[in-house]
Every structure is written in C-alpha cells, then in structure tokens.
N, C-alpha and C. Protein backbone atom coordinates (compact mmCIF):
# COMPACT_ATOMS: atom_id res chain seq x y z
N MET A 1 -98.22 62.54 77.43
CA MET A 1 -97.95 60.79 77.08
C MET A 1 -96.36 60.71 75.98
N GLY A 2 -96.89 59.29 75.78
CA GLY A 2 -96.00 58.37 74.98
C GLY A 2 -95.81 59.60 73.67
N ASN A 3 -95.86 59.62 72.67
CA ASN A 3 -95.26 60.52 72.00
C ASN A 3 -95.82 62.48 71.08
N GLU A 4 -97.24 61.83 71.81
CA GLU A 4 -97.54 62.87 71.75
C GLU A 4 -98.25 63.45 70.49
N ASN A 5 -98.70 62.82 69.89
CA ASN A 5 -98.60 63.00 68.56
C ASN A 5 -100.40 62.69 67.66
N PHE A 6 -100.83 63.27 67.40
CA PHE A 6 -102.22 62.30 67.32
C PHE A 6 -102.69 62.94 66.04
N ILE A 7 -102.87 62.46 64.97
CA ILE A 7 -103.29 62.59 63.49
C ILE A 7 -103.76 61.64 62.94
N ILE A 8 -105.15 62.62 62.22
CA ILE A 8 -106.05 61.30 61.27
C ILE A 8 -106.09 61.97 59.79
N VAL A 9 -106.06 60.70 59.42
CA VAL A 9 -105.86 61.16 57.73
C VAL A 9 -106.91 60.00 56.79
N ASP A 10 -107.17 61.33 55.60
CA ASP A 10 -107.92 60.38 54.75
C ASP A 10 -107.97 59.56 54.13
N LYS A 11 -108.32 58.44 52.85
CA LYS A 11 -108.53 56.58 52.34
C LYS A 11 -107.18 57.56 51.98
N ASN A 12 -106.60 58.74 51.43
CA ASN A 12 -105.49 58.57 50.17
C ASN A 12 -104.60 58.93 51.09
N GLY A 13 -104.58 59.30 52.60
CA GLY A 13 -102.97 59.42 52.89
C GLY A 13 -103.04 61.46 53.76
N ASN A 14 -103.55 62.17 53.13
CA ASN A 14 -103.53 63.34 54.06
C ASN A 14 -104.54 63.78 55.08
N ILE A 15 -103.40 64.41 55.46
CA ILE A 15 -104.38 64.30 57.37
C ILE A 15 -105.04 65.38 57.06
N ILE A 16 -105.91 65.39 57.73
CA ILE A 16 -107.26 65.92 57.84
C ILE A 16 -107.09 67.31 58.43
N ASP A 17 -107.91 68.10 58.37
CA ASP A 17 -107.55 69.53 59.21
C ASP A 17 -108.88 69.04 60.12
N GLU A 18 -107.87 69.82 61.63
CA GLU A 18 -108.81 69.82 62.94
C GLU A 18 -110.48 70.02 62.70
N HIS A 19 -110.09 71.26 62.29
CA HIS A 19 -111.26 71.58 62.61
C HIS A 19 -112.37 71.48 61.63
N ALA A 20 -111.93 71.75 59.98
CA ALA A 20 -113.10 70.84 59.10
C ALA A 20 -113.60 69.54 60.22
N PHE A 21 -112.57 68.64 60.03
CA PHE A 21 -113.23 67.10 60.53
C PHE A 21 -114.18 67.51 62.12
N GLY A 22 -114.09 68.53 62.75
CA GLY A 22 -115.23 68.69 63.65
C GLY A 22 -116.43 69.13 63.06
N ILE A 23 -116.55 70.12 62.51
CA ILE A 23 -117.68 70.91 62.07
C ILE A 23 -118.24 69.53 61.02
N ASN A 24 -117.49 68.99 60.14
CA ASN A 24 -118.24 67.94 59.52
C ASN A 24 -118.71 66.59 60.41
N MET A 25 -118.08 66.60 61.95
CA MET A 25 -118.40 65.24 61.99
C MET A 25 -119.82 65.52 63.33
N VAL A 26 -119.87 67.23 63.95
CA VAL A 26 -121.23 67.57 64.02
C VAL A 26 -122.75 67.47 63.18
N ARG A 27 -121.82 68.03 61.86
CA ARG A 27 -123.12 67.75 61.12
C ARG A 27 -123.52 66.54 60.58
N TYR A 28 -122.25 65.56 60.52
CA TYR A 28 -123.00 63.93 60.33
C TYR A 28 -123.65 63.43 61.59
N LEU A 29 -123.21 63.59 62.59
CA LEU A 29 -124.05 63.15 63.69
C LEU A 29 -125.43 64.02 64.06
N GLN A 30 -125.66 64.68 63.55
CA GLN A 30 -126.77 65.66 63.83
C GLN A 30 -127.97 64.87 62.38
N ARG A 31 -127.40 64.30 61.51
CA ARG A 31 -128.46 64.04 60.29
C ARG A 31 -128.91 62.81 60.87
N ASN A 32 -127.62 62.48 61.50
CA ASN A 32 -127.47 60.79 61.84
C ASN A 32 -128.92 60.73 63.05
N GLY A 33 -128.47 61.27 64.12
CA GLY A 33 -129.27 60.85 65.16
C GLY A 33 -128.75 59.84 66.24
N ASN A 34 -127.65 59.31 65.44
CA ASN A 34 -126.97 58.13 66.76
C ASN A 34 -126.31 58.48 67.77
N CYS A 35 -125.76 59.90 67.24
CA CYS A 35 -124.94 59.65 68.68
C CYS A 35 -124.83 61.01 68.69
N LYS A 36 -125.33 61.52 70.32
CA LYS A 36 -125.36 63.10 70.23
C LYS A 36 -123.67 63.90 70.44
N LYS A 37 -122.36 62.81 70.92
CA LYS A 37 -121.68 63.49 71.49
C LYS A 37 -120.03 62.74 70.58
N PHE A 38 -119.20 63.35 70.01
CA PHE A 38 -117.80 62.56 69.90
C PHE A 38 -116.72 63.49 70.07
N THR A 39 -115.84 61.99 70.69
CA THR A 39 -115.05 62.82 71.39
C THR A 39 -113.58 62.17 70.36
N LEU A 40 -112.30 63.04 70.37
CA LEU A 40 -111.27 62.18 69.25
C LEU A 40 -110.80 60.81 70.46
N GLY A 41 -111.23 61.16 71.66
CA GLY A 41 -111.11 59.36 72.53
C GLY A 41 -111.40 58.39 71.95
N MET A 42 -112.97 58.30 71.37
CA MET A 42 -113.80 57.95 70.79
C MET A 42 -113.01 56.73 69.98
N PRO A 43 -112.39 56.91 69.09
CA PRO A 43 -111.89 56.07 67.84
C PRO A 43 -110.39 55.78 68.71
N ARG A 44 -109.62 55.93 69.66
CA ARG A 44 -108.59 55.30 69.78
C ARG A 44 -109.14 54.03 70.66
N HIS A 45 -109.86 54.11 71.56
CA HIS A 45 -110.70 53.45 72.17
C HIS A 45 -111.34 51.93 71.23
N PHE A 46 -112.04 52.47 70.29
CA PHE A 46 -112.18 51.59 69.42
C PHE A 46 -110.83 50.90 68.86
N TYR A 47 -109.89 51.98 68.48
CA TYR A 47 -108.24 50.82 67.80
C TYR A 47 -108.07 50.08 68.59
N GLN A 48 -108.02 50.33 69.96
CA GLN A 48 -107.68 49.88 71.72
C GLN A 48 -108.56 48.48 71.59
N ASP A 49 -109.62 48.42 71.43
CA ASP A 49 -110.77 47.29 71.86
C ASP A 49 -110.74 46.25 70.38
N GLN A 50 -110.64 46.72 69.22
CA GLN A 50 -110.47 45.81 68.28
C GLN A 50 -108.92 45.24 67.55
N LEU A 51 -107.63 45.76 68.50
CA LEU A 51 -106.95 44.73 68.05
C LEU A 51 -106.90 44.24 69.33
N ASP A 52 -107.05 44.39 70.61
CA ASP A 52 -107.36 43.38 71.61
C ASP A 52 -108.24 42.40 71.89
N ILE A 53 -109.31 42.49 70.75
CA ILE A 53 -110.45 41.37 69.95
C ILE A 53 -109.39 40.25 69.39
N LEU A 54 -108.31 41.21 68.17
CA LEU A 54 -107.73 40.21 67.56
C LEU A 54 -106.04 39.53 67.89
N GLU A 55 -106.45 40.05 69.28
CA GLU A 55 -105.41 39.66 70.44
C GLU A 55 -104.26 40.28 70.13
N ALA A 56 -104.15 41.44 69.77
CA ALA A 56 -102.14 42.06 69.82
C ALA A 56 -102.53 42.19 70.40
N ASN A 57 -100.88 42.29 70.59
CA ASN A 57 -100.05 42.57 72.08
C ASN A 57 -100.49 43.97 72.70
N ILE A 58 -100.78 43.68 73.96
CA ILE A 58 -101.29 44.55 75.22
C ILE A 58 -100.77 46.18 74.83
N ASN A 59 -99.33 45.99 75.26
CA ASN A 59 -98.06 47.11 75.33
C ASN A 59 -98.17 47.20 74.00
N ASP A 60 -98.00 46.49 73.19
CA ASP A 60 -97.72 47.60 71.98
C ASP A 60 -99.16 47.90 71.46
N VAL A 61 -100.20 47.86 71.92
CA VAL A 61 -101.52 48.80 71.48
C VAL A 61 -101.45 49.84 72.47
N GLU A 62 -100.47 49.18 73.51
CA GLU A 62 -100.90 50.93 74.82
C GLU A 62 -99.92 51.97 74.21
N LYS A 63 -98.52 51.65 73.24
CA LYS A 63 -97.67 52.42 72.97
C LYS A 63 -97.90 52.76 71.53
N ALA A 64 -98.99 52.21 71.35
CA ALA A 64 -99.08 52.90 69.61
C ALA A 64 -100.23 53.87 69.96
N VAL A 65 -101.04 53.69 70.80
CA VAL A 65 -102.16 55.21 72.09
C VAL A 65 -101.65 56.25 72.06
N GLY A 66 -99.64 56.10 72.29
CA GLY A 66 -99.78 56.82 73.51
C GLY A 66 -99.85 56.52 74.41
N HIS A 67 -100.44 55.65 75.88
CA HIS A 67 -100.28 55.43 77.05
C HIS A 67 -98.59 55.28 77.25
N VAL A 68 -98.01 55.68 78.45
CA VAL A 68 -96.96 55.42 78.84
C VAL A 68 -97.54 54.06 79.49
N ILE A 69 -96.61 53.38 79.71
CA ILE A 69 -96.19 52.15 79.99
C ILE A 69 -95.47 51.86 81.62
N ASN A 70 -95.51 51.32 82.88
CA ASN A 70 -94.96 51.26 83.61
C ASN A 70 -93.47 50.95 82.99
N THR A 71 -92.15 51.43 83.56
CA THR A 71 -90.78 50.81 83.47
C THR A 71 -90.75 51.94 81.89
N VAL A 72 -91.58 52.53 81.28
CA VAL A 72 -91.29 53.03 79.32
C VAL A 72 -90.67 53.87 79.62
N SER A 73 -89.80 54.62 79.67
CA SER A 73 -89.63 56.38 79.36
C SER A 73 -90.19 56.47 78.36
N GLU A 74 -90.16 58.37 78.26
CA GLU A 74 -90.34 58.73 77.17
C GLU A 74 -89.42 58.05 75.83
N ARG A 75 -88.21 58.27 76.39
CA ARG A 75 -87.36 57.97 75.28
C ARG A 75 -87.37 56.76 74.31
N HIS A 76 -87.68 55.63 75.33
CA HIS A 76 -87.75 54.77 74.63
C HIS A 76 -88.81 54.59 73.79
N TYR A 77 -90.13 55.54 73.74
CA TYR A 77 -90.90 55.36 72.62
C TYR A 77 -90.84 56.32 71.50
N LYS A 78 -89.75 56.79 71.55
CA LYS A 78 -88.82 57.59 70.73
C LYS A 78 -88.28 56.67 69.51
N VAL A 79 -87.12 55.93 70.74
CA VAL A 79 -86.04 55.10 70.28
C VAL A 79 -86.63 53.83 69.41
N ASN A 80 -87.33 53.06 70.33
CA ASN A 80 -87.93 51.96 70.00
C ASN A 80 -89.20 52.17 69.16
N GLU A 81 -89.44 51.68 68.04
CA GLU A 81 -90.54 51.74 67.43
C GLU A 81 -91.03 50.36 66.89
N GLN A 82 -90.10 49.19 67.51
CA GLN A 82 -90.77 48.04 66.94
C GLN A 82 -91.89 47.72 67.14
N TYR A 83 -92.40 48.05 68.39
CA TYR A 83 -94.13 47.67 68.37
C TYR A 83 -95.55 48.42 66.76
N LEU A 84 -94.58 48.74 66.23
CA LEU A 84 -95.45 49.60 65.22
C LEU A 84 -95.25 48.63 64.03
N LYS A 85 -93.90 47.51 63.85
CA LYS A 85 -94.24 46.40 63.43
C LYS A 85 -94.78 45.52 63.61
N ARG A 86 -94.78 44.91 64.76
CA ARG A 86 -95.20 43.60 64.98
C ARG A 86 -97.02 44.22 65.00
N LEU A 87 -97.37 45.66 64.84
CA LEU A 87 -99.22 46.04 65.41
C LEU A 87 -99.15 45.77 63.96
N LEU A 88 -98.37 45.97 62.84
CA LEU A 88 -98.79 45.65 61.55
C LEU A 88 -99.56 45.05 60.70
N PRO A 89 -99.68 44.17 61.19
CA PRO A 89 -100.29 42.71 60.57
C PRO A 89 -102.12 43.07 61.27
N TYR A 90 -101.92 42.92 62.31
CA TYR A 90 -103.18 42.86 62.73
C TYR A 90 -104.08 44.48 62.97
N VAL A 91 -103.35 45.37 61.99
CA VAL A 91 -103.72 47.15 61.70
C VAL A 91 -104.14 46.23 60.59
N GLU A 92 -103.73 46.24 59.69
CA GLU A 92 -104.33 45.34 58.29
C GLU A 92 -105.42 44.75 57.87
N GLU A 93 -105.14 43.67 59.61
CA GLU A 93 -106.55 42.55 59.67
C GLU A 93 -107.61 43.41 59.91
N LEU A 94 -107.50 44.82 60.53
CA LEU A 94 -108.46 44.95 61.48
C LEU A 94 -109.15 46.18 60.14
N GLY A 95 -108.12 46.60 58.94
CA GLY A 95 -108.50 47.43 58.05
C GLY A 95 -109.86 46.84 56.86
N ILE A 96 -109.62 45.37 56.58
CA ILE A 96 -110.12 44.54 56.14
C ILE A 96 -111.03 44.10 56.47
N MET A 97 -111.45 44.20 57.94
CA MET A 97 -112.77 43.62 58.92
C MET A 97 -113.50 45.32 58.48
N LEU A 98 -113.71 46.49 58.86
CA LEU A 98 -113.55 47.84 58.67
C LEU A 98 -114.07 47.83 57.69
N GLU A 99 -113.78 47.39 56.20
CA GLU A 99 -113.85 47.73 54.73
C GLU A 99 -114.94 46.64 54.23
N ASN A 100 -115.34 45.23 54.99
CA ASN A 100 -116.08 44.86 54.83
C ASN A 100 -117.21 44.70 55.12
N ALA A 101 -117.25 45.63 56.94
CA ALA A 101 -118.56 45.37 57.35
C ALA A 101 -119.15 46.65 56.85
N VAL A 102 -118.41 47.88 55.80
CA VAL A 102 -118.85 48.93 55.09
C VAL A 102 -119.63 48.44 54.60
N LYS A 103 -119.07 47.06 53.35
CA LYS A 103 -119.95 47.22 52.12
C LYS A 103 -121.12 46.68 52.96
N MET A 104 -121.56 46.04 54.05
CA MET A 104 -122.62 45.38 54.03
C MET A 104 -123.70 46.19 54.35
N VAL A 105 -123.34 47.17 54.58
CA VAL A 105 -124.51 48.59 55.20
C VAL A 105 -125.51 48.88 53.79
C-alpha cells in the first residue's frame, strides 16, 4: 500500500536500526509497566489522530501513512508529493506540541 516505506529517525535524522529499536522499546515498556505491547502501527495511528485534531486534510494524512485512497493509484503516490508540502505546517505544529508536552513531564 502506498509507497511501502516506513522509517523511524532519531532527533538527528539518523535512521534507527529496526532490531535495536524493538529491543530498546521492549526494555522501556518493561521498566515503566505502562503498556505491555507496542506495535509499529501505534505511532502511525497517533500521527493520524493528532493531525486530525489539528484539522489537516484527511486525504493528505492517509497518503502520508501509506493508505490507499479510492481512485488513487500507486503511480499517483510516487509522482504527486504535494500532499507532503501541505502537511508540513501541521507536522511542525505537532512537533512543537510534543516538545512542550515532554517539557511538562
């Protein structure tokens, strides 16, 4: 679906090793005990929910997470990346909200 690419980067923009991420996440969850399970779908859904709260265009959000929209072909995803430009202000606002939330903890 979509571009079929999903990467996680650290705050410096480096791609995180998938295996190391999984091990560290399990250890974190065990230490904190708040959540017994974590899947890579969870941050995608959080991203979708938060951008919806900020009233970003739902079609743009769906494209960004790789969901196929009716009448949108695979070719369209790879050729038309304007939705990413439209989402950027929302993603930046979300980043500020998350940084502020972390400061409050």
